[in-house]
């Protein structure tokens, strides 16, 4: 069984009672997606904008909080045993020991050592993505408050490959199309390069709009690397990723521009655009409306 199918199976079995936990600053309890997909012990758990994807879903079972990849919310054992403020929170294979036991009480997520799940205060106030999640002595402040939202209908699991029919190509004035590298496209690999290539209108150049996202026939979405997206950084990488419909997967097609939710545009690196080189770099860039930011919908 492939990892994607295994994760989907786990997710479906958990979906009926899985829910996100949302803090008063609007952030969700989030497992870093790379480690979540790899089921890596020690994966960072953090505060992140809510997108209600599988890495923000949790269900209670035998006193543990289990994520859709089958791992548990875990407090580092050394800090847990010492009742140390600032103890790291992570994903770990479930063993249902005391450092994986939680109860939801008066809005607090309380661990078996009596400490509370806490967002580092300055990061809570700044609403920064990636805010540190830790154990801290319970004080009941807003950075220790978590509400479990019933959002099952909004949960998005990695979808199965869609049939290679329909859709449109996105063509630039230099005759190149938005193209997903075929090897990664066929493997449905997160992080697959998206590039400019001679238009052939094959499945790895086909897109459709759904819920604000651009979805390819392999079921993945056009995605802007989250760190650069949040920083509005020129040159941010554009890639394929499992669909979660978060802000870095939201696009609108307006006056020929493909505009991301951070206000930047899909851009072909200017020297590559002029040379018409296959493999031209696609990126986010401040919108200027030039030819290397113009994309028309084309069909075979």
Protein backbone atom coordinates (compact mmCIF):
# COMPACT_ATOMS: atom_id res chain seq x y z
CA UNK A 1 0.00 0.00 0.00
CA UNK A 2 1.42 3.44 -0.95
CA UNK A 3 2.00 6.07 1.74
CA UNK A 4 -0.69 8.32 0.22
CA UNK A 5 -3.27 5.52 0.29
CA UNK A 6 -2.25 4.52 3.80
CA UNK A 7 -2.66 8.10 5.05
CA UNK A 8 -6.01 8.39 3.31
CA UNK A 9 -7.19 5.13 4.89
CA UNK A 10 -6.16 6.32 8.35
CA UNK A 11 -7.81 9.66 7.72
CA UNK A 12 -11.11 8.17 6.62
CA UNK A 13 -11.19 5.85 9.65
CA UNK A 14 -10.63 8.86 11.93
CA UNK A 15 -12.72 11.41 10.04
CA UNK A 16 -16.01 11.03 11.90
CA UNK A 17 -14.62 12.40 15.17
CA UNK A 18 -11.54 14.32 14.01
CA UNK A 19 -11.53 18.06 14.57
CA UNK A 20 -9.15 21.02 14.64
CA UNK A 21 -8.23 22.82 17.87
CA UNK A 22 -8.39 26.60 17.41
CA UNK A 23 -6.79 29.24 19.66
CA UNK A 24 -8.37 32.68 20.31
CA UNK A 25 -5.83 34.32 17.95
CA UNK A 26 -7.24 32.28 15.08
CA UNK A 27 -4.35 29.82 14.82
CA UNK A 28 -4.75 26.04 14.76
CA UNK A 29 -2.80 23.22 16.35
CA UNK A 30 -0.76 22.12 13.34
CA UNK A 31 1.78 19.37 12.63
CA UNK A 32 4.54 20.36 10.20
CA UNK A 33 3.34 18.89 6.91
CA UNK A 34 6.60 17.34 5.73
CA UNK A 35 7.09 15.34 8.92
CA UNK A 36 3.36 14.56 9.10
CA UNK A 37 3.39 13.03 5.61
CA UNK A 38 6.57 11.05 6.41
CA UNK A 39 5.20 9.94 9.83
CA UNK A 40 8.51 11.09 11.35
CA UNK A 41 8.94 10.85 15.12
CA UNK A 42 9.75 14.29 16.54
CA UNK A 43 7.77 16.24 13.92
CA UNK A 44 7.26 19.82 15.12
CA UNK A 45 3.80 20.81 16.33
CA UNK A 46 3.12 24.52 15.93
CA UNK A 47 0.50 27.27 15.67
CA UNK A 48 -0.53 27.99 12.07
CA UNK A 49 -3.29 29.70 10.11
CA UNK A 50 -6.30 27.39 10.09
CA UNK A 51 -6.85 25.57 6.79
CA UNK A 52 -8.50 22.48 8.36
CA UNK A 53 -6.32 20.08 6.38
CA UNK A 54 -5.41 16.62 7.71
CA UNK A 55 -2.33 17.91 9.60
CA UNK A 56 -4.67 20.09 11.69
CA UNK A 57 -7.13 17.32 12.58
CA UNK A 58 -7.13 15.43 15.89
CA UNK A 59 -9.29 12.80 17.55
CA UNK A 60 -9.36 11.55 21.14
CA UNK A 61 -8.76 7.82 21.64
CA UNK A 62 -7.69 6.13 24.89
CA UNK A 63 -6.85 9.56 26.31
CA UNK A 64 -4.48 10.39 23.43
CA UNK A 65 -4.88 12.96 20.64
CA UNK A 66 -4.30 11.08 17.38
CA UNK A 67 -3.60 12.73 14.03
CA UNK A 68 -4.88 11.30 10.71
CA UNK A 69 -1.40 9.89 9.97
CA UNK A 70 -1.81 7.61 13.00
CA UNK A 71 0.69 9.38 15.26
CA UNK A 72 0.01 10.98 18.65
CA UNK A 73 0.44 14.43 20.20
CA UNK A 74 3.43 13.88 22.46
CA UNK A 75 5.27 15.93 25.09
CA UNK A 76 9.04 15.38 25.20
CA UNK A 77 9.44 12.85 28.01
CA UNK A 78 12.35 14.50 29.85
CA UNK A 79 10.61 17.86 30.18
CA UNK A 80 7.28 16.19 30.89
CA UNK A 81 8.70 14.17 33.80
CA UNK A 82 10.43 17.29 35.20
CA UNK A 83 7.25 19.40 34.73
CA UNK A 84 9.48 21.91 32.93
CA UNK A 85 7.94 25.03 31.41
CA UNK A 86 8.70 25.18 27.67
CA UNK A 87 8.69 21.41 27.11
CA UNK A 88 8.59 20.59 23.40
CA UNK A 89 5.41 19.23 21.81
CA UNK A 90 5.78 16.89 18.84
CA UNK A 91 4.28 13.99 16.90
CA UNK A 92 5.39 10.50 17.90
CA UNK A 93 4.29 6.94 17.28
CA UNK A 94 1.45 6.21 19.68
CA UNK A 95 2.31 4.29 22.85
CA UNK A 96 -0.43 5.87 25.04
CA UNK A 97 2.06 6.58 27.83
CA UNK A 98 1.53 9.46 30.28
CA UNK A 99 3.28 12.01 28.03
CA UNK A 100 0.68 11.27 25.34
CA UNK A 101 -2.34 11.63 27.63
CA UNK A 102 -4.54 14.75 27.42
CA UNK A 103 -7.90 15.96 28.62
CA UNK A 104 -9.95 18.91 27.31
CA UNK A 105 -11.28 20.78 30.32
CA UNK A 106 -12.70 24.33 30.52
CA UNK A 107 -11.08 25.10 27.16
CA UNK A 108 -7.63 23.91 28.31
CA UNK A 109 -5.74 20.93 26.90
CA UNK A 110 -4.25 19.50 30.09
CA UNK A 111 -1.48 16.89 30.04
CA UNK A 112 -1.17 14.01 32.52
CA UNK A 113 1.51 15.95 34.46
CA UNK A 114 -0.98 18.77 35.09
CA UNK A 115 0.59 21.28 32.72
CA UNK A 116 -1.25 22.89 29.79
CA UNK A 117 -0.76 23.10 26.06
CA UNK A 118 0.45 26.66 25.53
CA UNK A 119 1.42 28.93 22.60
CA UNK A 120 4.54 30.95 23.42
CA UNK A 121 3.19 34.33 24.57
CA UNK A 122 4.99 36.74 22.18
CA UNK A 123 4.21 34.50 19.19
CA UNK A 124 0.57 34.24 20.28
CA UNK A 125 0.36 38.05 20.38
CA UNK A 126 2.12 38.48 17.01
CA UNK A 127 -0.03 35.78 15.37
CA UNK A 128 3.11 34.47 13.66
CA UNK A 129 2.86 31.21 11.75
CA UNK A 130 5.11 28.58 13.29
CA UNK A 131 4.45 29.79 16.85
CA UNK A 132 5.99 27.47 19.44
CA UNK A 133 3.63 25.00 21.12
CA UNK A 134 4.83 23.90 24.55
CA UNK A 135 3.84 22.69 28.00
CA UNK A 136 3.47 25.42 30.63
CA UNK A 137 2.00 25.68 34.08
CA UNK A 138 -1.74 26.19 33.66
CA UNK A 139 -2.93 29.80 34.07
CA UNK A 140 -6.00 29.76 31.80
CA UNK A 141 -4.88 32.73 29.68
CA UNK A 142 -5.92 33.07 26.02
CA UNK A 143 -2.68 31.43 24.81
CA UNK A 144 -3.78 28.26 26.63
CA UNK A 145 -7.35 28.22 25.35
CA UNK A 146 -8.34 25.75 22.64
CA UNK A 147 -11.76 25.09 21.22
CA UNK A 148 -12.45 21.89 19.32
CA UNK A 149 -14.35 22.84 16.18
CA UNK A 150 -16.73 20.51 14.40
CA UNK A 151 -15.44 21.05 10.86
CA UNK A 152 -15.58 17.49 9.55
CA UNK A 153 -17.31 18.60 6.38
CA UNK A 154 -14.37 20.91 5.61
CA UNK A 155 -11.64 18.31 6.11
CA UNK A 156 -9.54 17.76 3.01
CA UNK A 157 -7.64 14.50 2.68
CA UNK A 158 -5.16 13.94 -0.13
CA UNK A 159 -7.48 13.06 -3.02
CA UNK A 160 -7.05 10.09 -5.32
CA UNK A 161 -5.82 10.83 -8.84
CA UNK A 162 -8.52 12.34 -11.02
CA UNK A 163 -9.10 11.07 -14.54
CA UNK A 164 -6.97 12.92 -17.12
CA UNK A 165 -9.86 14.66 -18.84
CA UNK A 166 -11.08 18.22 -19.10
CA UNK A 167 -9.28 21.25 -17.79
CA UNK A 168 -7.22 23.88 -19.58
CA UNK A 169 -3.60 24.79 -20.12
CA UNK A 170 -2.13 28.09 -18.91
CA UNK A 171 -0.16 29.57 -21.79
CA UNK A 172 2.26 32.51 -21.75
CA UNK A 173 2.85 34.94 -24.67
CA UNK A 174 6.17 33.19 -25.40
CA UNK A 175 4.26 29.99 -26.20
CA UNK A 176 5.23 28.13 -23.01
CA UNK A 177 2.74 26.47 -20.67
CA UNK A 178 2.61 25.96 -16.90
CA UNK A 179 3.98 22.43 -16.61
CA UNK A 180 4.48 20.03 -13.67
CA UNK A 181 7.66 17.93 -13.96
CA UNK A 182 6.34 14.62 -15.27
CA UNK A 183 8.23 12.28 -12.94
CA UNK A 184 7.01 14.02 -9.79
CA UNK A 185 3.56 14.52 -11.29
CA UNK A 186 3.13 10.79 -11.94
CA UNK A 187 4.41 9.95 -8.43
CA UNK A 188 2.17 12.62 -6.84
CA UNK A 189 5.27 13.84 -4.96
CA UNK A 190 4.94 16.90 -2.75
CA UNK A 191 7.39 19.60 -3.86
CA UNK A 192 7.35 18.62 -7.56
CA UNK A 193 8.82 21.43 -9.69
CA UNK A 194 6.40 23.56 -11.70
CA UNK A 195 8.04 25.12 -14.74
CA UNK A 196 7.51 26.70 -18.17
CA UNK A 197 7.62 24.19 -21.04
CA UNK A 198 6.62 23.91 -24.68
CA UNK A 199 2.84 23.47 -24.77
CA UNK A 200 1.81 19.90 -25.50
CA UNK A 201 -1.48 19.97 -23.52
CA UNK A 202 -0.73 16.67 -21.79
CA UNK A 203 -2.07 15.79 -18.35
CA UNK A 204 0.81 17.54 -16.55
CA UNK A 205 -0.19 20.81 -18.25
CA UNK A 206 -3.90 20.58 -17.46
CA UNK A 207 -5.58 22.55 -14.65
CA UNK A 208 -9.04 23.20 -13.33
CA UNK A 209 -10.31 25.70 -10.76
CA UNK A 210 -12.03 24.27 -7.68
CA UNK A 211 -12.64 26.08 -4.35
CA UNK A 212 -10.18 28.77 -5.46
CA UNK A 213 -7.38 26.26 -6.09
CA UNK A 214 -5.80 25.14 -9.37
CA UNK A 215 -5.98 21.34 -9.40
CA UNK A 216 -4.08 19.08 -11.79
CA UNK A 217 -5.37 15.71 -13.09
CA UNK A 218 -3.17 13.87 -10.55
CA UNK A 219 -5.30 15.43 -7.78
CA UNK A 220 -2.59 17.79 -6.47
CA UNK A 221 -2.72 21.59 -6.30
CA UNK A 222 -0.57 24.45 -7.54
CA UNK A 223 1.13 25.59 -4.34
CA UNK A 224 3.42 28.46 -3.34
CA UNK A 225 6.11 27.58 -0.77
CA UNK A 226 4.54 28.71 2.51
CA UNK A 227 7.52 30.53 4.03
CA UNK A 228 8.07 32.76 1.00
CA UNK A 229 4.31 33.19 0.51
CA UNK A 230 3.84 34.45 4.07
CA UNK A 231 6.84 36.82 3.70
CA UNK A 232 5.61 38.02 0.25
CA UNK A 233 9.11 37.27 -1.02
CA UNK A 234 9.92 37.76 -4.69
CA UNK A 235 11.20 34.50 -6.17
CA UNK A 236 9.09 32.21 -3.98
CA UNK A 237 9.04 28.66 -5.35
CA UNK A 238 5.89 27.34 -7.03
CA UNK A 239 5.34 23.58 -6.74
CA UNK A 240 2.83 20.75 -6.62
CA UNK A 241 1.43 19.73 -3.23
CA UNK A 242 -1.42 17.69 -1.79
CA UNK A 243 -4.50 19.92 -1.76
CA UNK A 244 -5.43 21.55 1.56
CA UNK A 245 -7.02 24.69 0.03
CA UNK A 246 -5.05 26.95 2.38
CA UNK A 247 -4.12 30.54 1.38
CA UNK A 248 -0.91 29.48 -0.41
CA UNK A 249 -3.04 27.33 -2.75
CA UNK A 250 -5.57 30.05 -3.57
CA UNK A 251 -5.45 31.80 -6.97
CA UNK A 252 -7.60 34.08 -9.08
CA UNK A 253 -7.32 34.72 -12.83
CA UNK A 254 -7.82 38.42 -13.43
CA UNK A 255 -6.84 40.55 -16.48
CA UNK A 256 -4.60 37.71 -17.63
CA UNK A 257 -2.72 37.56 -14.32
CA UNK A 258 -2.72 34.58 -11.96
CA UNK A 259 -2.83 36.28 -8.58
CA UNK A 260 -2.14 34.42 -5.35
CA UNK A 261 -3.90 35.12 -2.06
CA UNK A 262 -0.92 37.19 -0.85
CA UNK A 263 -1.38 39.58 -3.79
CA UNK A 264 1.67 38.44 -5.78
CA UNK A 265 1.56 37.04 -9.31
CA UNK A 266 2.66 33.86 -11.04
CA UNK A 267 5.76 34.96 -12.94
CA UNK A 268 8.22 33.31 -15.31
CA UNK A 269 11.81 34.35 -14.53
CA UNK A 270 12.41 37.11 -17.10
CA UNK A 271 15.63 35.77 -18.71
CA UNK A 272 14.01 32.34 -19.11
CA UNK A 273 10.91 33.96 -20.61
CA UNK A 274 13.03 35.86 -23.17
CA UNK A 275 15.12 32.81 -24.08
CA UNK A 276 12.06 30.54 -24.33
CA UNK A 277 14.05 27.86 -22.51
CA UNK A 278 12.23 24.70 -21.47
CA UNK A 279 12.33 24.38 -17.71
CA UNK A 280 11.95 28.13 -17.20
CA UNK A 281 11.57 29.02 -13.53
CA UNK A 282 8.08 29.85 -12.30
CA UNK A 283 7.82 31.89 -9.11
CA UNK A 284 5.80 34.44 -7.19
CA UNK A 285 6.71 38.08 -7.89
CA UNK A 286 5.17 41.45 -7.20
CA UNK A 287 2.53 42.05 -9.89
CA UNK A 288 3.60 44.37 -12.71
CA UNK A 289 1.46 43.03 -15.55
CA UNK A 290 4.37 42.39 -17.93
CA UNK A 291 4.36 39.70 -20.59
CA UNK A 292 6.09 37.20 -18.29
CA UNK A 293 3.11 37.44 -15.91
CA UNK A 294 0.40 36.97 -18.53
CA UNK A 295 -1.38 33.62 -18.74
CA UNK A 296 -4.26 32.71 -21.03
CA UNK A 297 -6.43 29.62 -20.82
CA UNK A 298 -5.83 27.37 -23.80
CA UNK A 299 -7.26 24.05 -24.92
CA UNK A 300 -5.90 21.58 -27.41
